[in-house]
Amino acid sequence: MTKQINQLISGALILTIAGMVSKILSALYRIPLQNLTGDLGFYTYQQIYPIIATVIILSLYGFPLAVSRITAEHLKNGQTLSYRYEFIPLWIILFIINGVIAACIYFLAPFLARGMHDEYLIIPLQLSGVLFLLIPFLALFRGVFQAELHMKQTAYSQIVEQIVRVKIIIVGAWFIFKGNIKVRFIAEIGVVSSIMGMLVALVFLAILFLRRYPLHQSVQLPQRQINWRKYTIAIITFGMIAALNHLTLVFIQLIDVLTLVPQLIKTGLSPLMAMEAKGIFDRGIPLIQFGAVLGSSFALAFVPSIKKQNHMEQKQSIQDAISISVYVAAGATIGLIVIYDDVNRLLFKDELGTSVLQILALSIFLLSLSITGSAILQAYGYVKWTVMSLVIALVVKITLNFMFIPYWKTHGSAAATVVSLLCLTVLIIGGIYRKVRFSPWKQIRFWPFVGAGGTMSLCLLAVKLFFQSVQFSRMGLFIYVICLVLFGAFIYLIILLRYKVIDERKISALPFSAQLLLLQKVVSK
């Protein structure tokens, strides 16, 4: 039993690390993509990205978890997994579900593209439907391996898939930069790169799966009924629930994909100007993704054990998770807003849209909190509240896009995103309070925390003022921005440690805890 628990913890850690590596890769590759294809190319890619992201999430976190739950239950009951009773029925259900989605995307593509005021996207959208047809294979293989606590296979396949995808996209973007391919073709390249990445991961998993479960294996199994209804309900419900936490930003991006360019055109912008404005707006997405990963990953370390704890321990873990998320995400958000002009110039070669992106940067703080809170609610099985909260937030986003964009253009869309995520965060935190009956904010020390953020901001502004007349090369700008980030993070951390805003228990759960504890002793003297 102890061996099984250790295997489970080790596997969960491997999956977490693989997930972080993949998310960081997903955030970072879009920087050279924009540099090579420009804002128009970036816009074009971002218009089909929500579909690609949805496929990745469903094939990694959604449907595999549903398959894992079904097959793990059979293993627990002493049943031998087989093609006849588990694998083929589950694959058929997955294929029907994803086949329907693929067909809907294919036939709706012309209407979606016209709704976006960009008929060039018809073919890329139709092609993206193919991605859903690969999900049944990946979800089945990954789910069965996870049920047997073999997490490495899923982790390795995830990283391999992402590396192949990123390499093909960057190579395609390079050919566009050289003038060998038209810039709008980046949409097709994005879809094809995802297909190739999924195929490579599929071959990798299939080889391992067939070694574990050979097709010619003849096992005399007792006759069993295939519970098609149970399988279908489990795949749909567990599959979507597991994916929800990862789909929040994707759904918000999808709303902007469908509404932002048409609304900008109504303000008087030409279609090309509206597309480029959307491309500039989308510069904020990689940094939001990166910041949200940073802001929630440390906090999520407190979540997995919640259900096994008594009430007092649960209270402590929840408050630790929320407070860590607040401190890390707030520091990242404040620091990024202060230096965003330099970051924009470094990553995207100019300062276009800086004020829009500074508004959008507030999403890092709110998204980190909502991800952490949603994970806590899901640990309690309090799923309906999470779903309802997300639906309300998306309705708010859609409504405010139509209200704000005609007056404030991309600033309005950025504000709509922030307000919708604020609604989501308030609802999620309210759900935690409703479930556990204590305040998750209790441990947050407000004034030292505000002082840390304020001091960091003033120090960064002073440095920026001192260097404002310096003309940096891009490499010089890179070194300058890295120094700004490290300097700001150091000031922020020192103040948090000096006033013991983060206590020893929380520090012990963070990376480099020994060094942080030593630093706290030094600065507290």
Protein backbone atom coordinates (compact mmCIF):
# COMPACT_ATOMS: atom_id res chain seq x y z
CA MET A 1 0.00 0.00 0.00
CA THR A 2 2.83 2.38 0.92
CA LYS A 3 4.54 1.56 -2.38
CA GLN A 4 1.34 2.39 -4.26
CA ILE A 5 0.97 5.73 -2.45
CA ASN A 6 4.61 6.60 -3.18
CA GLN A 7 4.09 5.65 -6.83
CA LEU A 8 0.99 7.86 -6.96
CA ILE A 9 2.79 10.85 -5.42
CA SER A 10 5.80 10.36 -7.68
CA GLY A 11 3.55 10.08 -10.72
CA ALA A 12 1.58 13.18 -9.80
CA LEU A 13 4.85 15.10 -9.41
CA ILE A 14 6.07 13.92 -12.83
CA LEU A 15 2.78 14.98 -14.45
CA THR A 16 2.93 18.37 -12.70
CA ILE A 17 6.48 19.02 -13.90
CA ALA A 18 5.61 17.90 -17.43
CA GLY A 19 2.54 20.15 -17.37
CA MET A 20 4.60 23.16 -16.25
CA VAL A 21 7.27 22.52 -18.91
CA SER A 22 4.58 22.25 -21.60
CA LYS A 23 2.78 25.40 -20.46
CA ILE A 24 6.02 27.37 -20.36
CA LEU A 25 6.90 26.13 -23.86
CA SER A 26 3.39 27.05 -25.01
CA ALA A 27 3.81 30.56 -23.66
CA LEU A 28 7.35 31.17 -24.90
CA TYR A 29 7.18 29.95 -28.51
CA ARG A 30 4.65 32.64 -29.41
CA ILE A 31 7.27 35.34 -28.85
CA PRO A 32 9.50 34.28 -31.79
CA LEU A 33 6.30 33.49 -33.71
CA GLN A 34 5.20 37.14 -33.43
CA ASN A 35 8.71 38.41 -34.13
CA LEU A 36 8.91 36.38 -37.35
CA THR A 37 5.37 36.81 -38.68
CA GLY A 38 4.42 40.23 -37.26
CA ASP A 39 1.15 41.24 -35.65
CA LEU A 40 -0.90 40.08 -38.66
CA GLY A 41 0.65 36.61 -38.54
CA PHE A 42 0.24 36.49 -34.77
CA TYR A 43 -3.42 37.49 -35.11
CA THR A 44 -3.97 34.76 -37.72
CA TYR A 45 -2.46 32.07 -35.50
CA GLN A 46 -4.29 33.24 -32.40
CA GLN A 47 -7.63 32.98 -34.24
CA ILE A 48 -7.31 29.19 -34.47
CA TYR A 49 -5.29 28.70 -31.26
CA PRO A 50 -8.32 28.25 -28.92
CA ILE A 51 -9.29 25.13 -30.89
CA ILE A 52 -5.74 23.77 -30.72
CA ALA A 53 -5.56 24.52 -26.98
CA THR A 54 -8.92 22.84 -26.36
CA VAL A 55 -7.72 19.69 -28.14
CA ILE A 56 -4.49 19.62 -26.14
CA ILE A 57 -6.33 20.04 -22.84
CA LEU A 58 -8.99 17.42 -23.62
CA SER A 59 -6.35 14.90 -24.72
CA LEU A 60 -4.15 15.55 -21.68
CA TYR A 61 -6.36 16.42 -18.72
CA GLY A 62 -9.99 15.82 -19.67
CA PHE A 63 -10.79 12.52 -21.34
CA PRO A 64 -7.71 10.62 -19.98
CA LEU A 65 -8.93 11.26 -16.43
CA ALA A 66 -12.37 9.85 -17.32
CA VAL A 67 -10.78 6.75 -18.88
CA SER A 68 -8.49 6.44 -15.87
CA ARG A 69 -11.40 6.50 -13.41
CA ILE A 70 -13.32 3.81 -15.31
CA THR A 71 -10.36 1.47 -15.81
CA ALA A 72 -8.99 2.05 -12.29
CA GLU A 73 -12.37 1.01 -10.88
CA HIS A 74 -12.22 -2.22 -12.88
CA LEU A 75 -8.68 -2.93 -11.69
CA LYS A 76 -9.74 -2.27 -8.10
CA ASN A 77 -12.51 -4.85 -8.51
CA GLY A 78 -9.96 -7.42 -9.66
CA GLN A 79 -11.01 -7.35 -13.33
CA THR A 80 -8.49 -7.76 -16.13
CA LEU A 81 -8.50 -4.91 -18.62
CA SER A 82 -9.26 -6.08 -22.15
CA TYR A 83 -9.91 -4.78 -25.64
CA ARG A 84 -13.38 -6.33 -25.70
CA TYR A 85 -14.81 -4.94 -22.46
CA GLU A 86 -12.84 -1.73 -21.88
CA PHE A 87 -10.56 -0.46 -24.62
CA ILE A 88 -12.74 -0.78 -27.73
CA PRO A 89 -16.00 0.42 -26.06
CA LEU A 90 -14.22 3.42 -24.51
CA TRP A 91 -12.54 4.25 -27.83
CA ILE A 92 -15.87 4.06 -29.67
CA ILE A 93 -17.53 6.47 -27.22
CA LEU A 94 -14.58 8.86 -27.39
CA PHE A 95 -14.56 8.68 -31.19
CA ILE A 96 -18.29 9.41 -31.45
CA ILE A 97 -18.04 12.42 -29.10
CA ASN A 98 -14.97 13.86 -30.79
CA GLY A 99 -16.26 12.97 -34.25
CA VAL A 100 -19.40 15.01 -33.62
CA ILE A 101 -17.26 17.96 -32.45
CA ALA A 102 -15.01 17.63 -35.53
CA ALA A 103 -18.02 17.53 -37.86
CA CYS A 104 -19.56 20.59 -36.18
CA ILE A 105 -16.33 22.57 -36.57
CA TYR A 106 -15.98 21.50 -40.22
CA PHE A 107 -19.50 22.49 -41.25
CA LEU A 108 -19.63 25.62 -39.08
CA ALA A 109 -16.21 26.87 -40.24
CA PRO A 110 -17.59 29.10 -43.05
CA PHE A 111 -20.09 30.72 -40.68
CA LEU A 112 -17.46 31.19 -37.95
CA ALA A 113 -14.96 32.71 -40.38
CA ARG A 114 -17.54 35.11 -41.80
CA GLY A 115 -18.56 36.03 -38.25
CA MET A 116 -14.92 36.91 -37.61
CA HIS A 117 -14.89 39.00 -40.83
CA ASP A 118 -12.04 36.83 -42.11
CA GLU A 119 -12.98 34.21 -44.73
CA TYR A 120 -9.32 33.20 -45.07
CA LEU A 121 -9.79 31.22 -41.83
CA ILE A 122 -12.34 28.79 -43.34
CA ILE A 123 -9.76 26.18 -44.42
CA PRO A 124 -7.63 26.36 -41.20
CA LEU A 125 -10.80 25.98 -39.12
CA GLN A 126 -11.97 23.00 -41.15
CA LEU A 127 -8.52 21.43 -40.93
CA SER A 128 -8.50 21.90 -37.13
CA GLY A 129 -11.43 19.47 -36.88
CA VAL A 130 -8.96 16.66 -37.72
CA LEU A 131 -7.28 17.24 -34.35
CA PHE A 132 -10.35 15.96 -32.51
CA LEU A 133 -10.17 12.63 -34.37
CA LEU A 134 -6.79 11.92 -32.73
CA ILE A 135 -8.05 12.53 -29.18
CA PRO A 136 -9.68 9.06 -28.72
CA PHE A 137 -6.36 7.26 -29.21
CA LEU A 138 -4.31 9.58 -26.98
CA ALA A 139 -6.98 9.75 -24.27
CA LEU A 140 -7.36 5.96 -24.16
CA PHE A 141 -3.64 5.24 -23.93
CA ARG A 142 -2.94 7.97 -21.38
CA GLY A 143 -5.99 7.10 -19.28
CA VAL A 144 -5.11 3.40 -19.01
CA PHE A 145 -1.50 4.16 -18.10
CA GLN A 146 -2.66 6.62 -15.43
CA ALA A 147 -5.09 4.04 -14.01
CA GLU A 148 -2.11 1.72 -13.53
CA LEU A 149 -0.14 4.61 -11.95
CA HIS A 150 2.32 4.67 -14.89
CA MET A 151 2.49 8.44 -15.22
CA LYS A 152 5.82 8.69 -17.04
CA GLN A 153 4.28 7.61 -20.33
CA THR A 154 1.78 10.48 -20.24
CA ALA A 155 4.43 12.98 -19.13
CA TYR A 156 6.93 12.01 -21.82
CA SER A 157 4.28 11.96 -24.55
CA GLN A 158 3.12 15.42 -23.47
CA ILE A 159 6.60 16.91 -23.72
CA VAL A 160 7.37 15.14 -27.01
CA GLU A 161 4.09 16.38 -28.51
CA GLN A 162 4.79 19.96 -27.47
CA ILE A 163 8.39 19.96 -28.70
CA VAL A 164 7.41 18.62 -32.15
CA ARG A 165 4.58 21.15 -32.40
CA VAL A 166 6.74 24.12 -31.38
CA LYS A 167 9.59 23.15 -33.73
CA ILE A 168 7.31 22.91 -36.77
CA ILE A 169 5.61 26.23 -35.96
CA ILE A 170 8.91 28.07 -35.55
CA VAL A 171 10.33 26.55 -38.77
CA GLY A 172 7.15 27.58 -40.61
CA ALA A 173 7.36 31.09 -39.14
CA TRP A 174 10.99 31.30 -40.30
CA PHE A 175 9.97 30.49 -43.90
CA ILE A 176 7.32 33.21 -43.65
CA PHE A 177 9.94 35.67 -42.38
CA LYS A 178 12.17 34.77 -45.35
CA GLY A 179 9.28 35.38 -47.75
CA ASN A 180 8.95 31.76 -48.91
CA ILE A 181 5.40 31.41 -47.54
CA LYS A 182 2.59 33.93 -47.24
CA VAL A 183 2.06 35.25 -43.72
CA ARG A 184 -1.57 34.12 -43.47
CA PHE A 185 -0.47 30.51 -44.02
CA ILE A 186 0.68 30.42 -40.39
CA ALA A 187 -2.83 29.24 -39.43
CA GLU A 188 -2.48 26.06 -41.51
CA ILE A 189 1.06 25.57 -40.19
CA GLY A 190 -0.26 25.85 -36.63
CA VAL A 191 -2.86 23.14 -37.21
CA VAL A 192 -0.49 20.83 -39.11
CA SER A 193 2.16 21.20 -36.39
CA SER A 194 -0.41 20.12 -33.80
CA ILE A 195 -1.44 17.14 -35.93
CA MET A 196 2.20 16.08 -36.29
CA GLY A 197 2.88 16.52 -32.58
CA MET A 198 -0.16 14.42 -31.67
CA LEU A 199 0.81 11.73 -34.21
CA VAL A 200 4.34 11.45 -32.79
CA ALA A 201 2.93 11.22 -29.24
CA LEU A 202 0.39 8.66 -30.49
CA VAL A 203 3.06 6.41 -32.03
CA PHE A 204 5.15 6.68 -28.84
CA LEU A 205 2.19 5.71 -26.64
CA ALA A 206 0.93 3.01 -29.01
CA ILE A 207 4.27 1.18 -28.93
CA LEU A 208 4.27 1.17 -25.12
CA PHE A 209 0.58 0.25 -24.95
CA LEU A 210 0.87 -2.70 -27.35
CA ARG A 211 3.81 -4.03 -25.35
CA ARG A 212 1.63 -3.91 -22.25
CA TYR A 213 -1.52 -5.17 -23.96
CA PRO A 214 -0.60 -7.17 -27.13
CA LEU A 215 -3.39 -7.51 -29.69
CA HIS A 216 -2.81 -11.26 -29.97
CA GLN A 217 -3.00 -11.75 -26.20
CA SER A 218 -5.58 -14.48 -25.57
CA VAL A 219 -6.98 -14.30 -22.08
CA GLN A 220 -9.99 -16.35 -21.09
CA LEU A 221 -12.26 -13.75 -19.52
CA PRO A 222 -15.65 -14.36 -17.96
CA GLN A 223 -18.61 -12.90 -19.81
CA ARG A 224 -19.39 -9.35 -18.70
CA GLN A 225 -21.90 -6.70 -19.64
CA ILE A 226 -20.54 -3.53 -21.22
CA ASN A 227 -22.16 -0.64 -19.39
CA TRP A 228 -22.31 1.78 -22.33
CA ARG A 229 -24.44 4.31 -20.45
CA LYS A 230 -22.05 4.42 -17.46
CA TYR A 231 -19.01 4.75 -19.73
CA THR A 232 -20.60 7.57 -21.74
CA ILE A 233 -21.74 9.58 -18.71
CA ALA A 234 -18.34 9.18 -17.01
CA ILE A 235 -16.41 10.27 -20.12
CA ILE A 236 -18.59 13.34 -20.70
CA THR A 237 -18.88 14.50 -17.08
CA PHE A 238 -15.42 13.65 -15.71
CA GLY A 239 -13.75 14.56 -18.99
CA MET A 240 -15.21 18.07 -19.08
CA ILE A 241 -14.87 18.68 -15.32
CA ALA A 242 -11.17 17.76 -15.34
CA ALA A 243 -10.56 20.08 -18.29
CA LEU A 244 -12.44 23.09 -16.91
CA ASN A 245 -9.62 24.40 -14.73
CA HIS A 246 -7.36 24.56 -17.77
CA LEU A 247 -9.96 25.95 -20.19
CA THR A 248 -10.80 29.26 -18.48
CA LEU A 249 -8.31 31.39 -20.41
CA VAL A 250 -9.01 29.42 -23.61
CA PHE A 251 -12.74 30.20 -23.42
CA ILE A 252 -11.99 33.88 -22.82
CA GLN A 253 -9.66 33.89 -25.84
CA LEU A 254 -12.39 32.20 -27.89
CA ILE A 255 -14.82 35.02 -27.06
CA ASP A 256 -12.24 37.56 -28.25
CA VAL A 257 -11.64 35.49 -31.39
CA LEU A 258 -15.34 35.68 -32.27
CA THR A 259 -16.10 39.26 -31.20
CA LEU A 260 -13.05 41.53 -31.09
CA VAL A 261 -12.29 42.05 -34.81
CA PRO A 262 -15.96 42.48 -35.85
CA GLN A 263 -16.50 45.03 -33.07
CA LEU A 264 -13.30 46.90 -33.98
CA ILE A 265 -14.44 47.11 -37.61
CA LYS A 266 -17.69 48.67 -36.41
CA THR A 267 -15.66 51.43 -34.73
CA GLY A 268 -14.34 52.48 -38.14
CA LEU A 269 -11.10 50.49 -38.37
CA SER A 270 -10.35 48.75 -41.65
CA PRO A 271 -10.32 44.91 -41.52
CA LEU A 272 -6.50 44.87 -41.78
CA MET A 273 -6.11 47.45 -38.98
CA ALA A 274 -8.57 45.51 -36.81
CA MET A 275 -6.64 42.27 -37.36
CA GLU A 276 -3.33 43.92 -36.48
CA ALA A 277 -4.90 45.49 -33.37
CA LYS A 278 -6.08 42.02 -32.34
CA GLY A 279 -2.55 40.70 -32.93
CA ILE A 280 -1.14 43.42 -30.63
CA PHE A 281 -3.83 42.62 -28.04
CA ASP A 282 -2.85 38.92 -28.17
CA ARG A 283 0.70 39.77 -27.11
CA GLY A 284 -0.59 39.67 -23.55
CA ILE A 285 -1.63 35.99 -23.71
CA PRO A 286 1.85 34.35 -23.39
CA LEU A 287 2.70 36.45 -20.34
CA ILE A 288 -0.71 35.79 -18.76
CA GLN A 289 -0.16 32.06 -19.26
CA PHE A 290 3.35 32.21 -17.83
CA GLY A 291 2.31 34.38 -14.89
CA ALA A 292 -0.71 32.20 -14.06
CA VAL A 293 1.48 29.08 -14.05
CA LEU A 294 3.90 30.85 -11.72
CA GLY A 295 1.13 32.23 -9.51
CA SER A 296 -0.80 28.99 -9.07
CA SER A 297 1.80 26.19 -9.23
CA PHE A 298 3.32 26.82 -5.78
CA ALA A 299 -0.12 27.18 -4.21
CA LEU A 300 -1.40 23.93 -5.77
CA ALA A 301 1.19 21.99 -3.76
CA PHE A 302 -1.11 22.41 -0.73
CA VAL A 303 -4.25 21.09 -2.49
CA PRO A 304 -3.88 17.32 -3.20
CA SER A 305 -3.91 16.23 0.46
CA ILE A 306 -6.91 18.35 1.54
CA LYS A 307 -9.49 15.55 1.49
CA LYS A 308 -7.36 13.34 3.73
CA GLN A 309 -6.97 15.99 6.44
CA ASN A 310 -9.09 16.85 9.46
CA HIS A 311 -10.99 20.13 9.60
CA MET A 312 -8.21 22.18 11.18
CA GLU A 313 -5.59 20.84 8.77
CA GLN A 314 -7.92 21.53 5.82
CA LYS A 315 -8.40 25.09 7.03
CA GLN A 316 -4.65 25.55 7.27
CA SER A 317 -3.95 24.07 3.82
CA ILE A 318 -6.64 26.15 2.10
CA GLN A 319 -5.46 29.37 3.70
CA ASP A 320 -1.85 28.50 2.84
CA ALA A 321 -2.75 27.80 -0.80
CA ILE A 322 -4.74 31.03 -1.21
CA SER A 323 -2.17 33.22 0.54
CA ILE A 324 0.77 31.80 -1.46
CA SER A 325 -1.19 32.32 -4.66
CA VAL A 326 -1.97 35.93 -3.67
CA TYR A 327 1.63 36.78 -2.76
CA VAL A 328 3.28 35.20 -5.82
CA ALA A 329 0.67 36.29 -8.38
CA ALA A 330 0.40 39.83 -7.01
CA GLY A 331 4.18 40.29 -7.10
CA ALA A 332 4.33 39.04 -10.69
CA THR A 333 1.38 41.23 -11.74
CA ILE A 334 2.61 44.45 -10.12
CA GLY A 335 6.16 44.00 -11.36
CA LEU A 336 5.04 43.26 -14.93
CA ILE A 337 2.73 46.29 -15.06
CA VAL A 338 5.56 48.60 -13.96
CA ILE A 339 8.09 47.33 -16.53
CA TYR A 340 5.64 46.35 -19.32
CA ASP A 341 6.91 49.00 -21.77
CA ASP A 342 10.42 47.51 -21.58
CA VAL A 343 9.09 43.93 -21.72
CA ASN A 344 6.93 44.78 -24.75
CA ARG A 345 9.89 46.32 -26.55
CA LEU A 346 12.14 43.36 -25.68
CA LEU A 347 9.74 40.57 -26.64
CA PHE A 348 7.82 42.17 -29.51
CA LYS A 349 10.25 44.85 -30.77
CA ASP A 350 8.05 47.90 -30.07
CA GLU A 351 5.81 49.42 -27.38
CA LEU A 352 2.52 49.19 -29.29
CA GLY A 353 -0.45 48.44 -27.05
CA THR A 354 1.47 48.74 -23.78
CA SER A 355 -1.43 50.40 -21.93
CA VAL A 356 -3.83 47.67 -23.15
CA LEU A 357 -1.42 44.94 -22.07
CA GLN A 358 -0.96 46.57 -18.65
CA ILE A 359 -4.71 46.32 -18.07
CA LEU A 360 -4.68 42.73 -19.34
CA ALA A 361 -1.80 41.90 -16.95
CA LEU A 362 -4.25 42.12 -14.02
CA SER A 363 -5.59 38.82 -15.35
CA ILE A 364 -2.47 37.09 -13.99
CA PHE A 365 -3.48 37.78 -10.40
CA LEU A 366 -7.15 36.89 -10.90
CA LEU A 367 -6.53 33.80 -13.03
CA SER A 368 -3.98 32.43 -10.54
CA LEU A 369 -6.48 32.83 -7.69
CA SER A 370 -9.35 31.28 -9.65
CA ILE A 371 -7.21 28.29 -10.72
CA THR A 372 -6.12 27.68 -7.13
CA GLY A 373 -9.66 28.12 -5.80
CA SER A 374 -11.17 25.85 -8.47
CA ALA A 375 -8.65 23.12 -7.60
CA ILE A 376 -9.68 23.39 -3.93
CA LEU A 377 -13.39 23.12 -4.81
CA GLN A 378 -12.75 20.14 -7.10
CA ALA A 379 -10.81 18.43 -4.31
CA TYR A 380 -14.06 18.58 -2.31
CA GLY A 381 -16.11 17.42 -5.29
CA TYR A 382 -17.86 20.82 -5.33
CA VAL A 383 -17.94 20.89 -9.11
CA LYS A 384 -21.32 22.40 -9.97
CA TRP A 385 -20.34 25.68 -8.32
CA THR A 386 -17.14 25.81 -10.38
CA VAL A 387 -19.05 25.21 -13.62
CA MET A 388 -21.69 27.81 -12.73
CA SER A 389 -19.01 30.37 -11.83
CA LEU A 390 -17.21 29.86 -15.14
CA VAL A 391 -20.44 30.18 -17.14
CA ILE A 392 -21.32 33.44 -15.35
CA ALA A 393 -17.81 34.82 -15.96
CA LEU A 394 -18.03 33.99 -19.68
CA VAL A 395 -21.45 35.63 -19.97
CA VAL A 396 -19.99 38.74 -18.30
CA LYS A 397 -17.06 38.71 -20.75
CA ILE A 398 -19.33 38.45 -23.81
CA THR A 399 -21.67 41.17 -22.54
CA LEU A 400 -18.89 43.60 -21.65
CA ASN A 401 -17.09 43.02 -24.95
CA PHE A 402 -20.17 44.31 -26.80
CA MET A 403 -20.53 47.18 -24.32
CA PHE A 404 -16.89 48.30 -23.99
CA ILE A 405 -15.21 47.70 -27.38
CA PRO A 406 -17.29 50.26 -29.33
CA TYR A 407 -16.07 52.96 -26.92
CA TRP A 408 -12.58 51.86 -25.88
CA LYS A 409 -11.57 49.35 -28.59
CA THR A 410 -8.91 46.89 -27.35
CA HIS A 411 -8.76 48.68 -23.99
CA GLY A 412 -12.43 47.73 -23.63
CA SER A 413 -11.77 44.06 -24.36
CA ALA A 414 -8.90 44.03 -21.85
CA ALA A 415 -11.18 45.60 -19.21
CA ALA A 416 -13.91 43.04 -20.04
CA THR A 417 -11.43 40.20 -19.49
CA VAL A 418 -10.33 41.60 -16.12
CA VAL A 419 -13.90 42.19 -14.90
CA SER A 420 -15.02 38.71 -15.99
CA LEU A 421 -12.07 37.08 -14.19
CA LEU A 422 -12.81 39.23 -11.13
CA CYS A 423 -16.37 37.85 -11.13
CA LEU A 424 -15.01 34.30 -11.49
CA THR A 425 -12.54 34.79 -8.62
CA VAL A 426 -15.16 36.28 -6.29
CA LEU A 427 -17.56 33.41 -7.05
CA ILE A 428 -14.85 30.76 -6.57
CA ILE A 429 -13.68 32.22 -3.24
CA GLY A 430 -17.32 32.55 -2.19
CA GLY A 431 -17.80 28.88 -3.05
CA ILE A 432 -14.87 27.92 -0.84
CA TYR A 433 -16.33 29.89 2.06
CA ARG A 434 -19.73 28.34 1.47
CA LYS A 435 -18.24 24.83 1.47
CA VAL A 436 -15.80 25.01 4.39
CA ARG A 437 -17.38 27.85 6.45
CA PHE A 438 -14.21 29.81 7.12
CA SER A 439 -12.45 32.67 5.38
CA PRO A 440 -9.64 31.61 3.01
CA TRP A 441 -8.23 35.18 3.30
CA LYS A 442 -7.54 34.87 7.03
CA GLN A 443 -3.76 34.45 6.84
CA ILE A 444 -3.09 37.27 4.38
CA ARG A 445 -1.30 40.14 6.09
CA PHE A 446 -2.61 43.05 4.09
CA TRP A 447 -0.41 46.03 5.01
CA PRO A 448 3.04 44.37 4.85
CA PHE A 449 1.94 42.78 1.57
CA VAL A 450 0.84 46.16 0.13
CA GLY A 451 4.08 47.69 1.42
CA ALA A 452 6.12 45.04 -0.37
CA GLY A 453 4.32 45.67 -3.66
CA GLY A 454 4.53 49.45 -3.29
CA THR A 455 8.23 49.44 -2.39
CA MET A 456 9.04 47.15 -5.31
CA SER A 457 7.15 49.46 -7.68
CA LEU A 458 8.94 52.59 -6.45
CA CYS A 459 12.36 50.92 -6.70
CA LEU A 460 11.65 49.71 -10.24
CA LEU A 461 10.39 53.15 -11.30
CA ALA A 462 13.53 54.76 -9.86
CA VAL A 463 15.78 52.41 -11.83
CA LYS A 464 13.73 52.99 -15.00
CA LEU A 465 13.98 56.77 -14.51
CA PHE A 466 17.75 56.53 -14.11
CA PHE A 467 18.14 54.55 -17.38
CA GLN A 468 15.40 56.28 -19.40
CA SER A 469 17.82 58.12 -21.70
CA VAL A 470 19.90 55.00 -22.47
CA GLN A 471 19.41 53.47 -25.94
CA PHE A 472 19.83 49.72 -25.52
CA SER A 473 20.54 47.17 -28.22
CA ARG A 474 18.18 44.20 -28.05
CA MET A 475 20.75 42.12 -26.18
CA GLY A 476 21.40 45.05 -23.85
CA LEU A 477 17.66 45.42 -23.36
CA PHE A 478 17.44 41.71 -22.53
CA ILE A 479 20.08 42.04 -19.82
CA TYR A 480 18.43 45.23 -18.53
CA VAL A 481 14.96 43.63 -18.28
CA ILE A 482 16.32 40.48 -16.61
CA CYS A 483 18.09 42.68 -14.05
CA LEU A 484 14.86 44.63 -13.48
CA VAL A 485 12.93 41.40 -12.92
CA LEU A 486 15.51 39.99 -10.50
CA PHE A 487 15.88 43.30 -8.66
CA GLY A 488 12.11 43.72 -8.27
CA ALA A 489 11.63 40.11 -7.17
CA PHE A 490 14.45 40.43 -4.64
CA ILE A 491 13.02 43.63 -3.09
CA TYR A 492 9.54 42.10 -2.92
CA LEU A 493 10.79 38.84 -1.38
CA ILE A 494 13.04 40.56 1.16
CA ILE A 495 10.15 42.64 2.52
CA LEU A 496 7.83 39.60 2.69
CA LEU A 497 10.49 37.67 4.60
CA ARG A 498 11.52 40.62 6.78
CA TYR A 499 7.99 41.07 8.15
CA LYS A 500 7.33 37.30 8.13
CA VAL A 501 4.39 37.69 5.78
CA ILE A 502 5.31 34.16 4.63
CA ASP A 503 5.85 31.97 7.68
CA GLU A 504 8.19 28.98 7.97
CA ARG A 505 5.45 26.44 7.22
CA LYS A 506 4.67 28.03 3.86
CA ILE A 507 8.34 28.52 3.04
CA SER A 508 9.02 24.83 3.64
CA ALA A 509 6.59 23.96 0.82
CA LEU A 510 8.38 26.23 -1.69
CA PRO A 511 11.44 25.48 -3.86
CA PHE A 512 14.79 26.43 -2.27
CA SER A 513 13.09 26.41 1.14
CA ALA A 514 16.38 25.96 3.05
CA GLN A 515 17.90 29.02 1.40
CA LEU A 516 14.73 31.06 1.92
CA LEU A 517 14.61 30.16 5.62
CA LEU A 518 18.25 31.17 6.00
CA LEU A 519 17.57 34.46 4.19
CA GLN A 520 14.59 35.14 6.46
CA LYS A 521 16.78 34.72 9.54
CA VAL A 522 19.33 37.16 8.13
CA VAL A 523 16.85 39.90 7.16
CA SER A 524 14.82 39.54 10.36
CA LYS A 525 17.75 40.40 12.63
